[in-house]
Amino acid sequence: MSKEWYYAVEGTSHGPISETEFSRLVAEGTVRSDTLVWQEGMEDWLPYGRANTDAAAQALPPRARLSESGDPARADANTFLGALKDGFARYVDFKTRSTRSQFWWWTLWSILISIGSAILDVAIGAGDSGPVNLLTSLAMFLPTIAVSVRRLHDIGRRGWWLLIWFIPIIGWIVLIVFHCTKSQPEPNAWGPEPRH
């Protein structure tokens, strides 16, 4: 009698699964060498590549890390609407790159949303910095920092350069120049060149 397998993908365990079904999952790439697996007789969950089976040696290699894979941005991230979607989709991505158009379209969206929320606050009688403006500012804060850091990465600078913003006038001018600088055409420490 063959043993049944259990496997975990993205924090969710699946199983029990027969040997035949498990072999099919390995062949199609659902179970890879870094996928945690367990079956009766094993002390603990192990990556499939380390499980002592002949099939484990034939498992696909682990998935590439984000920095080793292609550009994580949406295909339409360099468009007006796509930049908004991409900004919110990668709102805590401080490790990759963003193009000039992604940054500037996001900036335009930030300005338009800020103006719209101020108008709404005035319309409801809360002044120009009422609750709607406060909530939209909070919602836009983290994605704006993330896209700014990614933009600095795109020109080969560390995200900490963003702190130069706190130096009045000179710091602002330096950051504007950085945000207007052309992308590095080759891969850098933060990933491959983004799609333009």
N, C-alpha and C. Protein backbone atom coordinates (compact mmCIF):
# COMPACT_ATOMS: atom_id res chain seq x y z
N MET A 1 0.84 -1.18 0.00
CA MET A 1 0.00 0.00 0.00
C MET A 1 0.88 1.24 0.00
N SER A 2 0.63 2.15 -0.92
CA SER A 2 1.45 3.36 -1.01
C SER A 2 1.02 4.37 0.04
N LYS A 3 1.98 5.17 0.45
CA LYS A 3 1.71 6.18 1.45
C LYS A 3 1.11 7.42 0.79
N GLU A 4 0.31 8.11 1.57
CA GLU A 4 -0.30 9.34 1.06
C GLU A 4 0.57 10.52 1.43
N TRP A 5 0.55 11.54 0.53
CA TRP A 5 1.37 12.73 0.71
C TRP A 5 0.52 13.92 1.16
N TYR A 6 1.18 14.82 1.85
CA TYR A 6 0.62 16.13 2.19
C TYR A 6 1.64 17.15 1.70
N TYR A 7 1.18 18.28 1.20
CA TYR A 7 2.10 19.33 0.79
C TYR A 7 1.51 20.69 1.15
N ALA A 8 2.39 21.69 1.30
CA ALA A 8 1.96 23.03 1.68
C ALA A 8 2.41 24.03 0.62
N VAL A 9 1.46 24.83 0.17
CA VAL A 9 1.75 25.90 -0.80
C VAL A 9 1.17 27.19 -0.25
N GLU A 10 2.01 28.22 -0.13
CA GLU A 10 1.61 29.54 0.37
C GLU A 10 0.88 29.44 1.71
N GLY A 11 1.41 28.60 2.60
CA GLY A 11 0.87 28.51 3.95
C GLY A 11 -0.36 27.64 4.10
N THR A 12 -0.83 27.02 3.02
CA THR A 12 -2.01 26.16 3.10
C THR A 12 -1.61 24.73 2.80
N SER A 13 -1.96 23.81 3.71
CA SER A 13 -1.62 22.41 3.48
C SER A 13 -2.71 21.72 2.68
N HIS A 14 -2.29 20.77 1.86
CA HIS A 14 -3.20 20.01 1.01
C HIS A 14 -2.92 18.53 1.23
N GLY A 15 -3.95 17.73 1.21
CA GLY A 15 -3.76 16.30 1.34
C GLY A 15 -4.84 15.69 2.20
N PRO A 16 -4.89 14.41 2.30
CA PRO A 16 -3.94 13.45 1.76
C PRO A 16 -4.12 13.27 0.25
N ILE A 17 -2.99 12.99 -0.41
CA ILE A 17 -2.98 12.82 -1.86
C ILE A 17 -2.24 11.52 -2.17
N SER A 18 -2.77 10.76 -3.11
CA SER A 18 -2.15 9.49 -3.47
C SER A 18 -0.81 9.72 -4.16
N GLU A 19 0.01 8.67 -4.21
CA GLU A 19 1.33 8.75 -4.87
C GLU A 19 1.16 9.16 -6.33
N THR A 20 0.16 8.61 -7.01
CA THR A 20 -0.06 8.93 -8.42
C THR A 20 -0.39 10.40 -8.61
N GLU A 21 -1.33 10.89 -7.81
CA GLU A 21 -1.71 12.31 -7.90
C GLU A 21 -0.54 13.20 -7.52
N PHE A 22 0.22 12.80 -6.50
CA PHE A 22 1.37 13.58 -6.07
C PHE A 22 2.42 13.66 -7.19
N SER A 23 2.67 12.53 -7.86
CA SER A 23 3.62 12.51 -8.99
C SER A 23 3.17 13.44 -10.09
N ARG A 24 1.85 13.51 -10.34
CA ARG A 24 1.32 14.42 -11.35
C ARG A 24 1.57 15.87 -10.95
N LEU A 25 1.38 16.19 -9.66
CA LEU A 25 1.63 17.56 -9.18
C LEU A 25 3.10 17.94 -9.31
N VAL A 26 4.00 16.97 -9.09
CA VAL A 26 5.43 17.22 -9.27
C VAL A 26 5.72 17.49 -10.74
N ALA A 27 5.14 16.66 -11.62
CA ALA A 27 5.39 16.80 -13.06
C ALA A 27 4.90 18.14 -13.60
N GLU A 28 3.77 18.63 -13.10
CA GLU A 28 3.23 19.90 -13.61
C GLU A 28 3.83 21.12 -12.92
N GLY A 29 4.66 20.90 -11.88
CA GLY A 29 5.35 22.00 -11.24
C GLY A 29 4.65 22.61 -10.04
N THR A 30 3.52 22.05 -9.63
CA THR A 30 2.85 22.54 -8.44
C THR A 30 3.69 22.25 -7.21
N VAL A 31 4.25 21.04 -7.14
CA VAL A 31 5.17 20.66 -6.07
C VAL A 31 6.57 20.77 -6.65
N ARG A 32 7.38 21.64 -6.05
CA ARG A 32 8.75 21.87 -6.50
C ARG A 32 9.71 21.42 -5.41
N SER A 33 10.98 21.58 -5.65
CA SER A 33 11.96 21.10 -4.67
C SER A 33 11.91 21.88 -3.36
N ASP A 34 11.36 23.11 -3.37
CA ASP A 34 11.28 23.88 -2.13
C ASP A 34 9.91 23.80 -1.45
N THR A 35 8.97 23.03 -2.02
CA THR A 35 7.64 22.87 -1.44
C THR A 35 7.72 21.95 -0.23
N LEU A 36 7.12 22.38 0.88
CA LEU A 36 7.13 21.55 2.09
C LEU A 36 6.19 20.36 1.90
N VAL A 37 6.69 19.17 2.25
CA VAL A 37 5.91 17.94 2.11
C VAL A 37 6.01 17.12 3.39
N TRP A 38 5.05 16.21 3.56
CA TRP A 38 5.07 15.30 4.69
C TRP A 38 4.30 14.05 4.31
N GLN A 39 4.75 12.92 4.81
CA GLN A 39 4.00 11.67 4.72
C GLN A 39 4.30 10.86 5.96
N GLU A 40 3.46 9.89 6.22
CA GLU A 40 3.61 9.07 7.42
C GLU A 40 5.01 8.46 7.45
N GLY A 41 5.64 8.54 8.60
CA GLY A 41 7.00 8.02 8.75
C GLY A 41 8.04 9.13 8.79
N MET A 42 7.68 10.30 8.32
CA MET A 42 8.61 11.45 8.38
C MET A 42 8.42 12.14 9.72
N GLU A 43 9.51 12.61 10.31
CA GLU A 43 9.43 13.28 11.61
C GLU A 43 8.76 14.64 11.52
N ASP A 44 9.07 15.39 10.44
CA ASP A 44 8.56 16.75 10.30
C ASP A 44 8.43 17.07 8.81
N TRP A 45 7.79 18.19 8.52
CA TRP A 45 7.68 18.65 7.15
C TRP A 45 9.08 19.00 6.63
N LEU A 46 9.35 18.64 5.37
CA LEU A 46 10.63 18.93 4.74
C LEU A 46 10.40 19.50 3.34
N PRO A 47 11.34 20.28 2.83
CA PRO A 47 11.26 20.65 1.41
C PRO A 47 11.35 19.37 0.58
N TYR A 48 10.56 19.28 -0.47
CA TYR A 48 10.49 18.06 -1.26
C TYR A 48 11.85 17.64 -1.79
N GLY A 49 12.70 18.60 -2.11
CA GLY A 49 14.04 18.29 -2.60
C GLY A 49 14.90 17.57 -1.58
N ARG A 50 14.57 17.73 -0.29
CA ARG A 50 15.34 17.06 0.77
C ARG A 50 14.66 15.80 1.27
N ALA A 51 13.44 15.55 0.82
CA ALA A 51 12.75 14.30 1.22
C ALA A 51 13.48 13.16 0.53
N ASN A 52 13.70 12.07 1.22
CA ASN A 52 14.47 10.96 0.67
C ASN A 52 13.63 10.09 -0.25
N THR A 53 13.40 10.59 -1.45
CA THR A 53 12.70 9.82 -2.47
C THR A 53 13.42 9.99 -3.79
N ASP A 54 13.28 9.02 -4.69
CA ASP A 54 13.90 9.13 -6.01
C ASP A 54 13.26 10.25 -6.81
N ALA A 55 11.95 10.44 -6.64
CA ALA A 55 11.25 11.47 -7.40
C ALA A 55 11.68 12.87 -6.98
N ALA A 56 12.11 13.03 -5.71
CA ALA A 56 12.50 14.35 -5.23
C ALA A 56 13.68 14.90 -6.02
N ALA A 57 14.56 14.03 -6.47
CA ALA A 57 15.71 14.47 -7.26
C ALA A 57 15.28 15.03 -8.61
N GLN A 58 14.10 14.62 -9.10
CA GLN A 58 13.61 15.07 -10.39
C GLN A 58 12.68 16.27 -10.29
N ALA A 59 12.42 16.74 -9.07
CA ALA A 59 11.51 17.87 -8.88
C ALA A 59 12.09 19.13 -9.50
N LEU A 60 11.22 20.02 -9.91
CA LEU A 60 11.66 21.29 -10.48
C LEU A 60 12.39 22.09 -9.43
N PRO A 61 13.34 22.95 -9.83
CA PRO A 61 14.07 23.76 -8.85
C PRO A 61 13.15 24.76 -8.18
N PRO A 62 13.59 25.35 -7.08
CA PRO A 62 12.75 26.34 -6.40
C PRO A 62 12.40 27.50 -7.31
N ARG A 63 11.30 28.16 -7.00
CA ARG A 63 10.89 29.33 -7.77
C ARG A 63 11.93 30.43 -7.60
N ALA A 64 12.13 31.20 -8.64
CA ALA A 64 13.11 32.29 -8.58
C ALA A 64 12.65 33.35 -7.59
N ARG A 65 13.61 33.96 -6.88
CA ARG A 65 13.28 35.06 -6.00
C ARG A 65 12.81 36.23 -6.85
N LEU A 66 12.09 37.15 -6.23
CA LEU A 66 11.54 38.29 -6.95
C LEU A 66 12.61 39.06 -7.69
N SER A 67 13.78 39.27 -7.09
CA SER A 67 14.83 40.04 -7.73
C SER A 67 15.45 39.30 -8.90
N GLU A 68 15.30 37.95 -8.95
CA GLU A 68 15.87 37.17 -10.03
C GLU A 68 14.87 36.97 -11.17
N SER A 69 13.62 37.22 -10.92
CA SER A 69 12.61 37.03 -11.94
C SER A 69 12.46 38.32 -12.74
N GLY A 70 11.50 38.35 -13.62
CA GLY A 70 11.28 39.52 -14.46
C GLY A 70 10.71 40.70 -13.68
N ASP A 71 10.37 41.74 -14.39
CA ASP A 71 9.82 42.95 -13.81
C ASP A 71 8.48 42.62 -13.14
N PRO A 72 8.33 42.93 -11.83
CA PRO A 72 7.08 42.60 -11.14
C PRO A 72 5.94 43.58 -11.42
N ALA A 73 6.22 44.65 -12.13
CA ALA A 73 5.18 45.65 -12.40
C ALA A 73 4.13 45.09 -13.35
N ARG A 74 2.93 45.65 -13.26
CA ARG A 74 1.86 45.28 -14.19
C ARG A 74 2.30 45.63 -15.60
N ALA A 75 1.75 44.92 -16.58
CA ALA A 75 2.10 45.20 -17.98
C ALA A 75 1.71 46.62 -18.38
N ASP A 76 0.65 47.15 -17.78
CA ASP A 76 0.18 48.50 -18.14
C ASP A 76 0.62 49.56 -17.13
N ALA A 77 1.66 49.27 -16.34
CA ALA A 77 2.07 50.18 -15.26
C ALA A 77 2.58 51.53 -15.76
N ASN A 78 2.95 51.63 -17.02
CA ASN A 78 3.46 52.88 -17.55
C ASN A 78 2.37 53.73 -18.18
N THR A 79 1.11 53.40 -17.92
CA THR A 79 -0.01 54.18 -18.43
C THR A 79 -0.68 54.92 -17.28
N PHE A 80 -1.55 55.85 -17.59
CA PHE A 80 -2.21 56.67 -16.58
C PHE A 80 -2.96 55.81 -15.57
N LEU A 81 -3.87 54.96 -16.02
CA LEU A 81 -4.65 54.13 -15.12
C LEU A 81 -3.82 52.97 -14.55
N GLY A 82 -2.94 52.42 -15.36
CA GLY A 82 -2.10 51.30 -14.91
C GLY A 82 -1.18 51.68 -13.77
N ALA A 83 -0.69 52.93 -13.77
CA ALA A 83 0.20 53.38 -12.69
C ALA A 83 -0.54 53.40 -11.35
N LEU A 84 -1.80 53.78 -11.37
CA LEU A 84 -2.59 53.78 -10.13
C LEU A 84 -2.77 52.35 -9.62
N LYS A 85 -3.14 51.44 -10.51
CA LYS A 85 -3.33 50.04 -10.12
C LYS A 85 -2.01 49.43 -9.62
N ASP A 86 -0.92 49.72 -10.33
CA ASP A 86 0.38 49.17 -9.95
C ASP A 86 0.84 49.74 -8.61
N GLY A 87 0.60 51.03 -8.39
CA GLY A 87 0.99 51.66 -7.14
C GLY A 87 0.33 51.01 -5.94
N PHE A 88 -0.96 50.71 -6.07
CA PHE A 88 -1.66 50.05 -4.96
C PHE A 88 -1.33 48.55 -4.90
N ALA A 89 -1.07 47.93 -6.03
CA ALA A 89 -0.74 46.50 -6.03
C ALA A 89 0.62 46.25 -5.38
N ARG A 90 1.55 47.20 -5.54
CA ARG A 90 2.89 47.04 -4.96
C ARG A 90 3.13 48.08 -3.87
N TYR A 91 2.14 48.32 -3.03
CA TYR A 91 2.22 49.41 -2.06
C TYR A 91 3.26 49.20 -0.97
N VAL A 92 3.76 48.00 -0.78
CA VAL A 92 4.83 47.76 0.19
C VAL A 92 6.05 47.14 -0.48
N ASP A 93 6.19 47.33 -1.77
CA ASP A 93 7.35 46.81 -2.51
C ASP A 93 8.45 47.86 -2.48
N PHE A 94 9.42 47.65 -1.60
CA PHE A 94 10.55 48.57 -1.48
C PHE A 94 11.83 47.94 -2.02
N LYS A 95 11.70 46.86 -2.81
CA LYS A 95 12.89 46.11 -3.22
C LYS A 95 13.11 46.06 -4.72
N THR A 96 12.20 46.60 -5.53
CA THR A 96 12.37 46.51 -6.97
C THR A 96 12.51 47.90 -7.58
N ARG A 97 12.15 48.03 -8.85
CA ARG A 97 12.36 49.28 -9.58
C ARG A 97 11.05 49.77 -10.20
N SER A 98 10.97 51.09 -10.42
CA SER A 98 9.84 51.70 -11.14
C SER A 98 10.39 52.73 -12.12
N THR A 99 9.77 52.82 -13.28
CA THR A 99 10.21 53.75 -14.30
C THR A 99 9.77 55.18 -13.99
N ARG A 100 10.27 56.12 -14.80
CA ARG A 100 9.86 57.52 -14.65
C ARG A 100 8.37 57.66 -14.85
N SER A 101 7.83 57.02 -15.89
CA SER A 101 6.40 57.18 -16.15
C SER A 101 5.55 56.61 -15.02
N GLN A 102 5.96 55.48 -14.44
CA GLN A 102 5.23 54.92 -13.31
C GLN A 102 5.22 55.91 -12.15
N PHE A 103 6.36 56.52 -11.87
CA PHE A 103 6.46 57.47 -10.77
C PHE A 103 5.62 58.72 -11.04
N TRP A 104 5.76 59.32 -12.22
CA TRP A 104 5.08 60.58 -12.50
C TRP A 104 3.58 60.41 -12.68
N TRP A 105 3.14 59.27 -13.26
CA TRP A 105 1.70 59.03 -13.34
C TRP A 105 1.13 58.86 -11.93
N TRP A 106 1.86 58.17 -11.05
CA TRP A 106 1.41 58.01 -9.67
C TRP A 106 1.33 59.37 -8.98
N THR A 107 2.33 60.21 -9.22
CA THR A 107 2.34 61.55 -8.62
C THR A 107 1.13 62.35 -9.08
N LEU A 108 0.82 62.27 -10.38
CA LEU A 108 -0.36 62.97 -10.89
C LEU A 108 -1.63 62.45 -10.22
N TRP A 109 -1.75 61.13 -10.08
CA TRP A 109 -2.91 60.55 -9.40
C TRP A 109 -3.00 61.06 -7.96
N SER A 110 -1.85 61.14 -7.27
CA SER A 110 -1.84 61.62 -5.89
C SER A 110 -2.37 63.05 -5.80
N ILE A 111 -1.95 63.89 -6.73
CA ILE A 111 -2.41 65.28 -6.74
C ILE A 111 -3.91 65.35 -7.02
N LEU A 112 -4.37 64.60 -8.03
CA LEU A 112 -5.80 64.62 -8.39
C LEU A 112 -6.66 64.09 -7.25
N ILE A 113 -6.22 63.02 -6.61
CA ILE A 113 -6.99 62.46 -5.49
C ILE A 113 -7.02 63.43 -4.32
N SER A 114 -5.91 64.10 -4.07
CA SER A 114 -5.85 65.09 -2.98
C SER A 114 -6.80 66.25 -3.25
N ILE A 115 -6.81 66.74 -4.48
CA ILE A 115 -7.72 67.83 -4.84
C ILE A 115 -9.17 67.38 -4.72
N GLY A 116 -9.47 66.18 -5.22
CA GLY A 116 -10.84 65.65 -5.13
C GLY A 116 -11.30 65.47 -3.71
N SER A 117 -10.42 64.97 -2.84
CA SER A 117 -10.82 64.79 -1.44
C SER A 117 -11.00 66.12 -0.73
N ALA A 118 -10.20 67.13 -1.07
CA ALA A 118 -10.38 68.46 -0.48
C ALA A 118 -11.71 69.06 -0.91
N ILE A 119 -12.07 68.87 -2.17
CA ILE A 119 -13.37 69.36 -2.67
C ILE A 119 -14.51 68.68 -1.94
N LEU A 120 -14.40 67.37 -1.72
CA LEU A 120 -15.43 66.63 -0.98
C LEU A 120 -15.56 67.14 0.45
N ASP A 121 -14.42 67.40 1.08
CA ASP A 121 -14.46 67.93 2.45
C ASP A 121 -15.14 69.28 2.52
N VAL A 122 -14.86 70.15 1.55
CA VAL A 122 -15.51 71.46 1.51
C VAL A 122 -17.01 71.28 1.28
N ALA A 123 -17.37 70.33 0.41
CA ALA A 123 -18.78 70.11 0.08
C ALA A 123 -19.57 69.61 1.29
N ILE A 124 -18.94 68.83 2.17
CA ILE A 124 -19.66 68.33 3.35
C ILE A 124 -19.49 69.28 4.54
N GLY A 125 -18.79 70.40 4.34
CA GLY A 125 -18.65 71.41 5.37
C GLY A 125 -17.58 71.13 6.39
N ALA A 126 -16.59 70.29 6.04
CA ALA A 126 -15.54 69.94 6.99
C ALA A 126 -14.25 70.72 6.75
N GLY A 127 -14.28 71.70 5.88
CA GLY A 127 -13.06 72.44 5.55
C GLY A 127 -12.25 71.69 4.51
N ASP A 128 -11.13 72.28 4.09
CA ASP A 128 -10.37 71.65 3.02
C ASP A 128 -9.42 70.55 3.51
N SER A 129 -9.31 70.34 4.80
CA SER A 129 -8.50 69.23 5.31
C SER A 129 -9.29 68.45 6.37
N GLY A 130 -10.45 67.99 5.96
CA GLY A 130 -11.33 67.25 6.84
C GLY A 130 -11.08 65.76 6.79
N PRO A 131 -12.05 64.95 7.17
CA PRO A 131 -11.87 63.51 7.29
C PRO A 131 -11.60 62.79 5.96
N VAL A 132 -12.23 63.23 4.87
CA VAL A 132 -12.00 62.57 3.58
C VAL A 132 -10.56 62.77 3.13
N ASN A 133 -10.08 64.01 3.26
CA ASN A 133 -8.70 64.30 2.87
C ASN A 133 -7.72 63.55 3.77
N LEU A 134 -8.01 63.45 5.04
CA LEU A 134 -7.15 62.72 5.96
C LEU A 134 -7.07 61.24 5.59
N LEU A 135 -8.21 60.63 5.32
CA LEU A 135 -8.23 59.21 4.96
C LEU A 135 -7.52 58.94 3.64
N THR A 136 -7.76 59.79 2.64
CA THR A 136 -7.08 59.57 1.36
C THR A 136 -5.59 59.81 1.49
N SER A 137 -5.19 60.77 2.30
CA SER A 137 -3.75 61.00 2.52
C SER A 137 -3.10 59.80 3.18
N LEU A 138 -3.78 59.21 4.15
CA LEU A 138 -3.25 58.01 4.80
C LEU A 138 -3.17 56.84 3.82
N ALA A 139 -4.18 56.70 2.96
CA ALA A 139 -4.20 55.61 1.99
C ALA A 139 -3.09 55.77 0.95
N MET A 140 -2.74 57.00 0.62
CA MET A 140 -1.74 57.25 -0.43
C MET A 140 -0.31 57.32 0.13
N PHE A 141 -0.16 57.45 1.43
CA PHE A 141 1.16 57.69 2.02
C PHE A 141 2.16 56.57 1.74
N LEU A 142 1.84 55.34 2.13
CA LEU A 142 2.77 54.22 1.97
C LEU A 142 3.04 53.91 0.49
N PRO A 143 2.02 53.85 -0.38
CA PRO A 143 2.33 53.60 -1.79
C PRO A 143 3.20 54.69 -2.41
N THR A 144 3.03 55.95 -1.96
CA THR A 144 3.84 57.04 -2.50
C THR A 144 5.30 56.88 -2.10
N ILE A 145 5.53 56.50 -0.85
CA ILE A 145 6.91 56.26 -0.42
C ILE A 145 7.50 55.08 -1.19
N ALA A 146 6.71 54.02 -1.36
CA ALA A 146 7.20 52.82 -2.06
C ALA A 146 7.57 53.14 -3.50
N VAL A 147 6.71 53.86 -4.23
CA VAL A 147 7.02 54.16 -5.63
C VAL A 147 8.22 55.11 -5.72
N SER A 148 8.39 56.00 -4.75
CA SER A 148 9.55 56.89 -4.73
C SER A 148 10.85 56.11 -4.50
N VAL A 149 10.81 55.16 -3.57
CA VAL A 149 11.98 54.33 -3.31
C VAL A 149 12.31 53.49 -4.53
N ARG A 150 11.29 52.89 -5.16
CA ARG A 150 11.53 52.09 -6.37
C ARG A 150 12.11 52.94 -7.48
N ARG A 151 11.67 54.20 -7.57
CA ARG A 151 12.21 55.10 -8.59
C ARG A 151 13.69 55.37 -8.34
N LEU A 152 14.07 55.57 -7.08
CA LEU A 152 15.48 55.75 -6.75
C LEU A 152 16.29 54.49 -7.08
N HIS A 153 15.73 53.33 -6.80
CA HIS A 153 16.40 52.07 -7.16
C HIS A 153 16.62 51.99 -8.66
N ASP A 154 15.69 52.49 -9.42
CA ASP A 154 15.77 52.41 -10.88
C ASP A 154 16.96 53.18 -11.43
N ILE A 155 17.42 54.19 -10.72
CA ILE A 155 18.59 54.94 -11.19
C ILE A 155 19.85 54.52 -10.43
N GLY A 156 19.74 53.44 -9.65
CA GLY A 156 20.91 52.89 -8.96
C GLY A 156 21.20 53.51 -7.62
N ARG A 157 20.23 54.18 -7.02
CA ARG A 157 20.43 54.81 -5.71
C ARG A 157 19.63 54.06 -4.65
N ARG A 158 20.12 54.10 -3.43
CA ARG A 158 19.43 53.48 -2.31
C ARG A 158 18.19 54.30 -1.95
N GLY A 159 17.19 53.65 -1.40
CA GLY A 159 15.95 54.32 -1.03
C GLY A 159 16.12 55.35 0.06
N TRP A 160 17.19 55.24 0.85
CA TRP A 160 17.44 56.19 1.92
C TRP A 160 17.66 57.61 1.40
N TRP A 161 17.96 57.75 0.11
CA TRP A 161 18.09 59.08 -0.48
C TRP A 161 16.79 59.86 -0.35
N LEU A 162 15.70 59.19 -0.15
CA LEU A 162 14.40 59.86 -0.01
C LEU A 162 14.40 60.81 1.20
N LEU A 163 15.22 60.52 2.18
CA LEU A 163 15.29 61.37 3.38
C LEU A 163 15.84 62.77 3.09
N ILE A 164 16.46 62.95 1.94
CA ILE A 164 16.97 64.27 1.58
C ILE A 164 15.82 65.27 1.42
N TRP A 165 14.61 64.75 1.33
CA TRP A 165 13.40 65.60 1.24
C TRP A 165 13.31 66.56 2.43
N PHE A 166 13.86 66.17 3.56
CA PHE A 166 13.77 66.99 4.77
C PHE A 166 14.71 68.20 4.76
N ILE A 167 15.56 68.29 3.75
CA ILE A 167 16.41 69.48 3.58
C ILE A 167 15.64 70.42 2.64
N PRO A 168 15.12 71.53 3.16
CA PRO A 168 14.30 72.41 2.33
C PRO A 168 15.02 72.89 1.07
N ILE A 169 14.28 73.04 0.02
CA ILE A 169 14.64 73.55 -1.30
C ILE A 169 15.74 72.72 -1.97
N ILE A 170 16.95 72.66 -1.41
CA ILE A 170 18.04 71.91 -2.05
C ILE A 170 17.67 70.42 -2.12
N GLY A 171 17.19 69.86 -1.04
CA GLY A 171 16.80 68.45 -1.03
C GLY A 171 15.68 68.17 -2.00
N TRP A 172 14.72 69.09 -2.08
CA TRP A 172 13.60 68.91 -3.00
C TRP A 172 14.09 68.93 -4.45
N ILE A 173 14.99 69.85 -4.76
CA ILE A 173 15.52 69.94 -6.13
C ILE A 173 16.30 68.67 -6.48
N VAL A 174 17.12 68.20 -5.55
CA VAL A 174 17.89 66.97 -5.79
C VAL A 174 16.96 65.80 -6.06
N LEU A 175 15.91 65.65 -5.26
CA LEU A 175 14.97 64.54 -5.47
C LEU A 175 14.23 64.67 -6.80
N ILE A 176 13.84 65.87 -7.18
CA ILE A 176 13.17 66.06 -8.47
C ILE A 176 14.10 65.65 -9.60
N VAL A 177 15.38 66.03 -9.51
CA VAL A 177 16.36 65.63 -10.52
C VAL A 177 16.49 64.11 -10.55
N PHE A 178 16.58 63.47 -9.37
CA PHE A 178 16.67 62.01 -9.32
C PHE A 178 15.44 61.36 -9.96
N HIS A 179 14.27 61.89 -9.66
CA HIS A 179 13.03 61.29 -10.19
C HIS A 179 12.88 61.52 -11.69
N CYS A 180 13.59 62.50 -12.23
CA CYS A 180 13.56 62.77 -13.67
C CYS A 180 14.67 62.05 -14.44
N THR A 181 15.62 61.46 -13.72
CA THR A 181 16.76 60.80 -14.35
C THR A 181 16.32 59.54 -15.08
N LYS A 182 16.95 59.30 -16.22
CA LYS A 182 16.64 58.12 -17.04
C LYS A 182 17.03 56.84 -16.30
N SER A 183 16.26 55.77 -16.52
CA SER A 183 16.52 54.47 -15.91
C SER A 183 17.89 53.93 -16.30
N GLN A 184 18.50 53.15 -15.40
CA GLN A 184 19.71 52.43 -15.77
C GLN A 184 19.31 51.35 -16.77
N PRO A 185 19.98 51.27 -17.91
CA PRO A 185 19.55 50.32 -18.94
C PRO A 185 19.89 48.87 -18.63
N GLU A 186 20.70 48.63 -17.62
CA GLU A 186 21.09 47.26 -17.29
C GLU A 186 20.53 46.86 -15.94
N PRO A 187 20.50 45.56 -15.65
CA PRO A 187 20.06 45.13 -14.33
C PRO A 187 20.96 45.73 -13.25
N ASN A 188 20.37 46.01 -12.10
CA ASN A 188 21.17 46.50 -10.98
C ASN A 188 20.81 45.69 -9.73
N ALA A 189 21.22 46.15 -8.57
CA ALA A 189 21.01 45.40 -7.33
C ALA A 189 19.53 45.20 -7.00
N TRP A 190 18.63 45.96 -7.63
CA TRP A 190 17.21 45.88 -7.33
C TRP A 190 16.42 45.21 -8.44
N GLY A 191 17.09 44.54 -9.35
CA GLY A 191 16.38 43.77 -10.36
C GLY A 191 16.70 44.18 -11.78
N PRO A 192 16.02 43.53 -12.72
CA PRO A 192 16.24 43.82 -14.14
C PRO A 192 15.65 45.17 -14.52
N GLU A 193 16.03 45.65 -15.68
CA GLU A 193 15.47 46.92 -16.15
C GLU A 193 13.96 46.76 -16.30
N PRO A 194 13.17 47.71 -15.78
CA PRO A 194 11.71 47.62 -15.90
C PRO A 194 11.27 47.80 -17.35
N ARG A 195 10.07 47.29 -17.65
CA ARG A 195 9.47 47.50 -18.98
C ARG A 195 9.17 48.97 -19.16
N HIS A 196 9.43 49.48 -20.34
CA HIS A 196 9.14 50.90 -20.63
C HIS A 196 7.92 51.02 -21.52
